[in-house]
Amino acid sequence: MAGKKQADETSAQTYGRDELIAYADELFGVMPEALQGALYGTDAAAVFTIEDARTLVDQFMNRKVN
């Protein structure tokens, strides 16, 4: 149908680390420092979709600590 949006993985909006960190509270409900921890070890020039970043945040926040 012409009026429907197509859910295409390649058209997903991507954001840089700095953009995501600036809006960490609004997007993920975490402090910017928590998002920095979640993104630690990823490529500095990497871009992420909101869903990818949310997955990293969830994994980071749910890690078991000793």
Protein backbone atom coordinates (compact mmCIF):
# COMPACT_ATOMS: atom_id res chain seq x y z
CA MET A 1 0.00 0.00 0.00
CA ALA A 2 1.27 3.43 -0.86
CA GLY A 3 0.21 5.05 2.44
CA LYS A 4 1.97 2.60 4.77
CA LYS A 5 5.46 3.16 6.07
CA GLN A 6 7.79 0.34 5.31
CA ALA A 7 9.81 -0.98 8.22
CA ASP A 8 13.18 -1.34 6.58
CA GLU A 9 16.26 -2.06 8.68
CA THR A 10 18.48 -0.03 6.36
CA SER A 11 16.40 3.10 6.83
CA ALA A 12 16.73 3.11 10.62
CA GLN A 13 17.97 6.42 11.97
CA THR A 14 21.46 6.24 13.47
CA TYR A 15 23.09 8.49 16.05
CA GLY A 16 26.62 9.11 17.23
CA ARG A 17 27.87 8.51 20.76
CA ASP A 18 27.75 12.19 21.73
CA GLU A 19 24.14 12.60 20.61
CA LEU A 20 23.02 9.55 22.54
CA ILE A 21 24.92 10.58 25.67
CA ALA A 22 23.42 14.08 25.54
CA TYR A 23 19.90 12.60 25.62
CA ALA A 24 20.56 9.53 27.76
CA ASP A 25 17.92 10.39 30.36
CA GLU A 26 15.19 11.12 27.83
CA LEU A 27 15.92 8.13 25.61
CA PHE A 28 16.93 5.43 28.08
CA GLY A 29 16.10 6.72 31.56
CA VAL A 30 19.73 6.53 32.69
CA MET A 31 22.38 9.09 33.56
CA PRO A 32 24.87 9.98 30.82
CA GLU A 33 27.62 8.25 32.78
CA ALA A 34 25.72 4.96 32.61
CA LEU A 35 25.40 5.24 28.86
CA GLN A 36 29.11 6.00 28.60
CA GLY A 37 29.76 2.79 30.51
CA ALA A 38 27.43 0.85 28.23
CA LEU A 39 29.23 2.18 25.15
CA TYR A 40 32.70 1.63 26.60
CA GLY A 41 34.77 -0.55 24.30
CA THR A 42 32.83 0.28 21.17
CA ASP A 43 34.43 2.13 18.28
CA ALA A 44 34.54 5.89 18.97
CA ALA A 45 33.29 6.61 15.45
CA ALA A 46 30.50 4.04 15.63
CA VAL A 47 26.88 4.99 15.10
CA PHE A 48 23.96 3.26 16.76
CA THR A 49 20.24 2.95 16.30
CA ILE A 50 18.12 3.66 19.36
CA GLU A 51 17.30 -0.05 19.62
CA ASP A 52 20.97 -1.08 19.47
CA ALA A 53 21.92 1.46 22.12
CA ARG A 54 18.99 0.38 24.33
CA THR A 55 20.20 -3.22 24.11
CA LEU A 56 23.69 -2.17 25.22
CA VAL A 57 22.26 -0.12 28.09
CA ASP A 58 20.05 -3.00 29.25
CA GLN A 59 22.99 -5.43 29.16
CA PHE A 60 25.18 -2.96 31.04
CA MET A 61 22.60 -2.18 33.70
CA ASN A 62 21.77 -5.85 34.28
CA ARG A 63 25.34 -7.12 34.57
CA LYS A 64 26.11 -9.07 37.66
CA VAL A 65 28.73 -7.44 39.85
CA ASN A 66 31.02 -9.27 42.24
